[in-house]
């Protein structure tokens, strides 16, 4: 029974190690790219515009359209 617990613990450690290796690999890829800060900035800017400008504008346009039609 103790051997089973040890193997389960070993499997958990291997899984955690694999996840950590994947995180490190991903971070190294991001660090190796030339324009990472620019890409991140563009993604954040696009998200901001979509969330705070485009979607509310579409909702307002839809509501105005409904008021004019009915």
PDB file of N, CA and C in Angstrom:
ATOM      1  N   UNK A   1       0.821  -1.193   0.000  1.00  0.00           N
ATOM      2  CA  UNK A   1       0.000   0.000   0.000  1.00  0.00           C
ATOM      3  C   UNK A   1       0.868   1.261   0.000  1.00  0.00           C
ATOM      4  N   UNK A   2       1.975   1.212   0.720  1.00  0.00           N
ATOM      5  CA  UNK A   2       2.882   2.355   0.754  1.00  0.00           C
ATOM      6  C   UNK A   2       3.492   2.604  -0.621  1.00  0.00           C
ATOM      7  N   UNK A   3       3.739   1.511  -1.356  1.00  0.00           N
ATOM      8  CA  UNK A   3       4.312   1.666  -2.693  1.00  0.00           C
ATOM      9  C   UNK A   3       3.338   2.386  -3.619  1.00  0.00           C
ATOM     10  N   UNK A   4       2.033   2.085  -3.469  1.00  0.00           N
ATOM     11  CA  UNK A   4       1.027   2.752  -4.289  1.00  0.00           C
ATOM     12  C   UNK A   4       1.014   4.247  -3.999  1.00  0.00           C
ATOM     13  N   UNK A   5       1.100   4.601  -2.718  1.00  0.00           N
ATOM     14  CA  UNK A   5       1.106   6.015  -2.354  1.00  0.00           C
ATOM     15  C   UNK A   5       2.337   6.707  -2.922  1.00  0.00           C
ATOM     16  N   UNK A   6       3.470   6.013  -2.867  1.00  0.00           N
ATOM     17  CA  UNK A   6       4.697   6.597  -3.391  1.00  0.00           C
ATOM     18  C   UNK A   6       4.613   6.792  -4.902  1.00  0.00           C
ATOM     19  N   UNK A   7       4.011   5.817  -5.609  1.00  0.00           N
ATOM     20  CA  UNK A   7       3.896   5.955  -7.064  1.00  0.00           C
ATOM     21  C   UNK A   7       2.907   7.062  -7.414  1.00  0.00           C
ATOM     22  N   UNK A   8       1.809   7.182  -6.647  1.00  0.00           N
ATOM     23  CA  UNK A   8       0.852   8.260  -6.894  1.00  0.00           C
ATOM     24  C   UNK A   8       1.504   9.619  -6.664  1.00  0.00           C
ATOM     25  N   UNK A   9       2.280   9.711  -5.596  1.00  0.00           N
ATOM     26  CA  UNK A   9       2.986  10.957  -5.310  1.00  0.00           C
ATOM     27  C   UNK A   9       3.996  11.250  -6.409  1.00  0.00           C
ATOM     28  N   UNK A  10       4.682  10.223  -6.872  1.00  0.00           N
ATOM     29  CA  UNK A  10       5.639  10.388  -7.964  1.00  0.00           C
ATOM     30  C   UNK A  10       4.963  10.853  -9.240  1.00  0.00           C
ATOM     31  N   UNK A  11       3.772  10.307  -9.535  1.00  0.00           N
ATOM     32  CA  UNK A  11       3.027  10.716 -10.726  1.00  0.00           C
ATOM     33  C   UNK A  11       2.601  12.174 -10.618  1.00  0.00           C
ATOM     34  N   UNK A  12       2.171  12.585  -9.411  1.00  0.00           N
ATOM     35  CA  UNK A  12       1.773  13.977  -9.216  1.00  0.00           C
ATOM     36  C   UNK A  12       2.961  14.903  -9.430  1.00  0.00           C
ATOM     37  N   UNK A  13       4.110  14.499  -8.908  1.00  0.00           N
ATOM     38  CA  UNK A  13       5.307  15.324  -9.079  1.00  0.00           C
ATOM     39  C   UNK A  13       5.692  15.417 -10.544  1.00  0.00           C
ATOM     40  N   UNK A  14       5.570  14.297 -11.264  1.00  0.00           N
ATOM     41  CA  UNK A  14       5.893  14.312 -12.691  1.00  0.00           C
ATOM     42  C   UNK A  14       4.935  15.223 -13.451  1.00  0.00           C
ATOM     43  N   UNK A  15       3.647  15.163 -13.081  1.00  0.00           N
ATOM     44  CA  UNK A  15       2.660  16.031 -13.723  1.00  0.00           C
ATOM     45  C   UNK A  15       2.940  17.494 -13.452  1.00  0.00           C
ATOM     46  N   UNK A  16       3.282  17.805 -12.203  1.00  0.00           N
ATOM     47  CA  UNK A  16       3.608  19.186 -11.849  1.00  0.00           C
ATOM     48  C   UNK A  16       4.869  19.642 -12.574  1.00  0.00           C
ATOM     49  N   UNK A  17       5.838  18.754 -12.664  1.00  0.00           N
ATOM     50  CA  UNK A  17       7.097  19.076 -13.348  1.00  0.00           C
ATOM     51  C   UNK A  17       6.833  19.338 -14.831  1.00  0.00           C
ATOM     52  N   UNK A  18       5.969  18.523 -15.441  1.00  0.00           N
ATOM     53  CA  UNK A  18       5.651  18.688 -16.855  1.00  0.00           C
ATOM     54  C   UNK A  18       4.955  20.031 -17.094  1.00  0.00           C
ATOM     55  N   UNK A  19       4.000  20.391 -16.220  1.00  0.00           N
ATOM     56  CA  UNK A  19       3.308  21.669 -16.351  1.00  0.00           C
ATOM     57  C   UNK A  19       4.281  22.834 -16.200  1.00  0.00           C
ATOM     58  N   UNK A  20       5.181  22.728 -15.240  1.00  0.00           N
ATOM     59  CA  UNK A  20       6.177  23.778 -15.024  1.00  0.00           C
ATOM     60  C   UNK A  20       7.091  23.915 -16.237  1.00  0.00           C
ATOM     61  N   UNK A  21       7.496  22.784 -16.826  1.00  0.00           N
ATOM     62  CA  UNK A  21       8.325  22.818 -18.033  1.00  0.00           C
ATOM     63  C   UNK A  21       7.589  23.496 -19.188  1.00  0.00           C
ATOM     64  N   UNK A  22       6.281  23.218 -19.321  1.00  0.00           N
ATOM     65  CA  UNK A  22       5.489  23.843 -20.377  1.00  0.00           C
ATOM     66  C   UNK A  22       5.417  25.349 -20.171  1.00  0.00           C
ATOM     67  N   UNK A  23       5.206  25.787 -18.914  1.00  0.00           N
ATOM     68  CA  UNK A  23       5.158  27.218 -18.620  1.00  0.00           C
ATOM     69  C   UNK A  23       6.481  27.893 -18.963  1.00  0.00           C
ATOM     70  N   UNK A  24       7.576  27.232 -18.600  1.00  0.00           N
ATOM     71  CA  UNK A  24       8.899  27.789 -18.887  1.00  0.00           C
ATOM     72  C   UNK A  24       9.119  27.886 -20.392  1.00  0.00           C
ATOM     73  N   UNK A  25       8.715  26.847 -21.119  1.00  0.00           N
ATOM     74  CA  UNK A  25       8.868  26.854 -22.577  1.00  0.00           C
ATOM     75  C   UNK A  25       8.076  28.000 -23.198  1.00  0.00           C
ATOM     76  N   UNK A  26       6.837  28.181 -22.750  1.00  0.00           N
ATOM     77  CA  UNK A  26       5.998  29.255 -23.288  1.00  0.00           C
ATOM     78  C   UNK A  26       6.609  30.617 -22.984  1.00  0.00           C
ATOM     79  N   UNK A  27       7.095  30.793 -21.756  1.00  0.00           N
ATOM     80  CA  UNK A  27       7.695  32.086 -21.413  1.00  0.00           C
ATOM     81  C   UNK A  27       8.970  32.332 -22.213  1.00  0.00           C
ATOM     82  N   UNK A  28       9.743  31.285 -22.476  1.00  0.00           N
ATOM     83  CA  UNK A  28      10.949  31.451 -23.295  1.00  0.00           C
ATOM     84  C   UNK A  28      10.597  31.821 -24.730  1.00  0.00           C
ATOM     85  N   UNK A  29       9.522  31.247 -25.251  1.00  0.00           N
ATOM     86  CA  UNK A  29       9.082  31.592 -26.605  1.00  0.00           C
ATOM     87  C   UNK A  29       8.681  33.063 -26.657  1.00  0.00           C
ATOM     88  N   UNK A  30       7.898  33.523 -25.653  1.00  0.00           N
ATOM     89  CA  UNK A  30       7.498  34.928 -25.616  1.00  0.00           C
ATOM     90  C   UNK A  30       8.717  35.830 -25.507  1.00  0.00           C
ATOM     91  N   UNK A  31       9.709  35.418 -24.717  1.00  0.00           N
ATOM     92  CA  UNK A  31      10.908  36.237 -24.545  1.00  0.00           C
ATOM     93  C   UNK A  31      11.766  36.262 -25.806  1.00  0.00           C
ATOM     94  N   UNK A  32      11.703  35.202 -26.613  1.00  0.00           N
ATOM     95  CA  UNK A  32      12.544  35.139 -27.807  1.00  0.00           C
ATOM     96  C   UNK A  32      11.969  35.947 -28.966  1.00  0.00           C
ATOM     97  N   UNK A  33      10.672  36.242 -28.932  1.00  0.00           N
ATOM     98  CA  UNK A  33      10.069  37.029 -30.005  1.00  0.00           C
ATOM     99  C   UNK A  33      10.559  38.472 -29.940  1.00  0.00           C
ATOM    100  N   UNK A  34      10.635  39.112 -31.082  1.00  0.00           N
ATOM    101  CA  UNK A  34      11.211  40.452 -31.159  1.00  0.00           C
ATOM    102  C   UNK A  34      10.270  41.522 -30.612  1.00  0.00           C
ATOM    103  N   UNK A  35       9.022  41.482 -30.996  1.00  0.00           N
ATOM    104  CA  UNK A  35       8.094  42.555 -30.656  1.00  0.00           C
ATOM    105  C   UNK A  35       7.067  42.116 -29.615  1.00  0.00           C
ATOM    106  N   UNK A  36       7.499  41.416 -28.583  1.00  0.00           N
ATOM    107  CA  UNK A  36       6.539  40.884 -27.610  1.00  0.00           C
ATOM    108  C   UNK A  36       5.776  41.986 -26.898  1.00  0.00           C
ATOM    109  N   UNK A  37       6.467  43.049 -26.481  1.00  0.00           N
ATOM    110  CA  UNK A  37       5.772  44.132 -25.780  1.00  0.00           C
ATOM    111  C   UNK A  37       4.768  44.813 -26.705  1.00  0.00           C
ATOM    112  N   UNK A  38       5.122  44.956 -27.975  1.00  0.00           N
ATOM    113  CA  UNK A  38       4.213  45.567 -28.944  1.00  0.00           C
ATOM    114  C   UNK A  38       2.986  44.682 -29.136  1.00  0.00           C
ATOM    115  N   UNK A  39       3.208  43.383 -29.281  1.00  0.00           N
ATOM    116  CA  UNK A  39       2.098  42.446 -29.467  1.00  0.00           C
ATOM    117  C   UNK A  39       1.178  42.472 -28.258  1.00  0.00           C
ATOM    118  N   UNK A  40       1.750  42.416 -27.065  1.00  0.00           N
ATOM    119  CA  UNK A  40       0.939  42.459 -25.849  1.00  0.00           C
ATOM    120  C   UNK A  40       0.156  43.759 -25.767  1.00  0.00           C
ATOM    121  N   UNK A  41       0.812  44.866 -26.090  1.00  0.00           N
ATOM    122  CA  UNK A  41       0.137  46.159 -26.060  1.00  0.00           C
ATOM    123  C   UNK A  41      -1.018  46.217 -27.041  1.00  0.00           C
ATOM    124  N   UNK A  42      -0.801  45.688 -28.244  1.00  0.00           N
ATOM    125  CA  UNK A  42      -1.872  45.676 -29.238  1.00  0.00           C
ATOM    126  C   UNK A  42      -3.046  44.813 -28.792  1.00  0.00           C
ATOM    127  N   UNK A  43      -2.751  43.670 -28.185  1.00  0.00           N
ATOM    128  CA  UNK A  43      -3.827  42.804 -27.706  1.00  0.00           C
ATOM    129  C   UNK A  43      -4.634  43.481 -26.607  1.00  0.00           C
ATOM    130  N   UNK A  44      -3.949  44.165 -25.700  1.00  0.00           N
ATOM    131  CA  UNK A  44      -4.648  44.866 -24.618  1.00  0.00           C
ATOM    132  C   UNK A  44      -5.472  46.018 -25.179  1.00  0.00           C
ATOM    133  N   UNK A  45      -4.901  46.762 -26.132  1.00  0.00           N
ATOM    134  CA  UNK A  45      -5.620  47.879 -26.750  1.00  0.00           C
ATOM    135  C   UNK A  45      -6.859  47.389 -27.484  1.00  0.00           C
ATOM    136  N   UNK A  46      -6.719  46.315 -28.246  1.00  0.00           N
ATOM    137  CA  UNK A  46      -7.856  45.762 -28.981  1.00  0.00           C
ATOM    138  C   UNK A  46      -8.941  45.312 -28.025  1.00  0.00           C
ATOM    139  N   UNK A  47      -8.547  44.682 -26.931  1.00  0.00           N
ATOM    140  CA  UNK A  47      -9.512  44.229 -25.933  1.00  0.00           C
ATOM    141  C   UNK A  47     -10.242  45.412 -25.316  1.00  0.00           C
ATOM    142  N   UNK A  48      -9.505  46.476 -24.988  1.00  0.00           N
ATOM    143  CA  UNK A  48     -10.110  47.670 -24.401  1.00  0.00           C
ATOM    144  C   UNK A  48     -11.130  48.283 -25.351  1.00  0.00           C
ATOM    145  N   UNK A  49     -10.750  48.475 -26.633  1.00  0.00           N
ATOM    146  CA  UNK A  49     -11.670  49.070 -27.597  1.00  0.00           C
ATOM    147  C   UNK A  49     -12.916  48.220 -27.778  1.00  0.00           C
ATOM    148  N   UNK A  50     -12.743  46.913 -27.850  1.00  0.00           N
ATOM    149  CA  UNK A  50     -13.893  46.041 -28.045  1.00  0.00           C
ATOM    150  C   UNK A  50     -14.832  46.115 -26.853  1.00  0.00           C
ATOM    151  N   UNK A  51     -14.261  46.076 -25.642  1.00  0.00           N
ATOM    152  CA  UNK A  51     -15.077  46.020 -24.430  1.00  0.00           C
ATOM    153  C   UNK A  51     -15.733  47.360 -24.113  1.00  0.00           C
ATOM    154  N   UNK A  52     -15.032  48.456 -24.325  1.00  0.00           N
ATOM    155  CA  UNK A  52     -15.520  49.750 -23.863  1.00  0.00           C
ATOM    156  C   UNK A  52     -16.059  50.661 -24.953  1.00  0.00           C
ATOM    157  N   UNK A  53     -15.822  50.349 -26.210  1.00  0.00           N
ATOM    158  CA  UNK A  53     -16.263  51.246 -27.281  1.00  0.00           C
ATOM    159  C   UNK A  53     -17.161  50.532 -28.289  1.00  0.00           C
ATOM    160  N   UNK A  54     -16.697  49.437 -28.872  1.00  0.00           N
ATOM    161  CA  UNK A  54     -17.429  48.801 -29.969  1.00  0.00           C
ATOM    162  C   UNK A  54     -18.722  48.154 -29.483  1.00  0.00           C
ATOM    163  N   UNK A  55     -18.648  47.300 -28.481  1.00  0.00           N
ATOM    164  CA  UNK A  55     -19.860  46.609 -28.030  1.00  0.00           C
ATOM    165  C   UNK A  55     -20.918  47.566 -27.483  1.00  0.00           C
ATOM    166  N   UNK A  56     -20.562  48.530 -26.625  1.00  0.00           N
ATOM    167  CA  UNK A  56     -21.592  49.479 -26.187  1.00  0.00           C
ATOM    168  C   UNK A  56     -22.191  50.272 -27.351  1.00  0.00           C
ATOM    169  N   UNK A  57     -21.370  50.630 -28.336  1.00  0.00           N
ATOM    170  CA  UNK A  57     -21.890  51.356 -29.502  1.00  0.00           C
ATOM    171  C   UNK A  57     -22.894  50.502 -30.265  1.00  0.00           C
ATOM    172  N   UNK A  58     -22.591  49.227 -30.426  1.00  0.00           N
ATOM    173  CA  UNK A  58     -23.528  48.336 -31.122  1.00  0.00           C
ATOM    174  C   UNK A  58     -24.827  48.180 -30.344  1.00  0.00           C
ATOM    175  N   UNK A  59     -24.741  48.097 -29.035  1.00  0.00           N
ATOM    176  CA  UNK A  59     -25.944  47.968 -28.207  1.00  0.00           C
ATOM    177  C   UNK A  59     -26.795  49.232 -28.323  1.00  0.00           C
ATOM    178  N   UNK A  60     -26.160  50.398 -28.266  1.00  0.00           N
ATOM    179  CA  UNK A  60     -26.895  51.659 -28.398  1.00  0.00           C
ATOM    180  C   UNK A  60     -27.545  51.749 -29.772  1.00  0.00           C
ATOM    181  N   UNK A  61     -26.818  51.393 -30.823  1.00  0.00           N
ATOM    182  CA  UNK A  61     -27.373  51.429 -32.181  1.00  0.00           C
ATOM    183  C   UNK A  61     -28.560  50.477 -32.305  1.00  0.00           C
ATOM    184  N   UNK A  62     -28.446  49.307 -31.708  1.00  0.00           N
ATOM    185  CA  UNK A  62     -29.551  48.342 -31.756  1.00  0.00           C
ATOM    186  C   UNK A  62     -30.782  48.900 -31.061  1.00  0.00           C
ATOM    187  N   UNK A  63     -30.594  49.509 -29.893  1.00  0.00           N
ATOM    188  CA  UNK A  63     -31.729  50.056 -29.149  1.00  0.00           C
ATOM    189  C   UNK A  63     -32.373  51.220 -29.897  1.00  0.00           C
ATOM    190  N   UNK A  64     -31.566  52.083 -30.501  1.00  0.00           N
ATOM    191  CA  UNK A  64     -32.119  53.190 -31.281  1.00  0.00           C
ATOM    192  C   UNK A  64     -32.881  52.648 -32.486  1.00  0.00           C
ATOM    193  N   UNK A  65     -32.316  51.635 -33.146  1.00  0.00           N
ATOM    194  CA  UNK A  65     -32.998  51.016 -34.277  1.00  0.00           C
ATOM    195  C   UNK A  65     -34.336  50.411 -33.880  1.00  0.00           C
ATOM    196  N   UNK A  66     -34.380  49.758 -32.733  1.00  0.00           N
ATOM    197  CA  UNK A  66     -35.642  49.175 -32.264  1.00  0.00           C
ATOM    198  C   UNK A  66     -36.663  50.259 -31.961  1.00  0.00           C
ATOM    199  N   UNK A  67     -36.220  51.375 -31.374  1.00  0.00           N
ATOM    200  CA  UNK A  67     -37.152  52.467 -31.067  1.00  0.00           C
ATOM    201  C   UNK A  67     -37.709  53.079 -32.348  1.00  0.00           C
ATOM    202  N   UNK A  68     -36.886  53.211 -33.381  1.00  0.00           N
ATOM    203  CA  UNK A  68     -37.345  53.804 -34.632  1.00  0.00           C
ATOM    204  C   UNK A  68     -38.291  52.877 -35.390  1.00  0.00           C
ATOM    205  N   UNK A  69     -38.070  51.561 -35.269  1.00  0.00           N
ATOM    206  CA  UNK A  69     -38.912  50.617 -36.004  1.00  0.00           C
ATOM    207  C   UNK A  69     -40.257  50.382 -35.327  1.00  0.00           C
ATOM    208  N   UNK A  70     -40.304  50.483 -34.012  1.00  0.00           N
ATOM    209  CA  UNK A  70     -41.549  50.140 -33.314  1.00  0.00           C
ATOM    210  C   UNK A  70     -42.115  51.305 -32.633  1.00  0.00           C
TER     211      UNK A  70
END
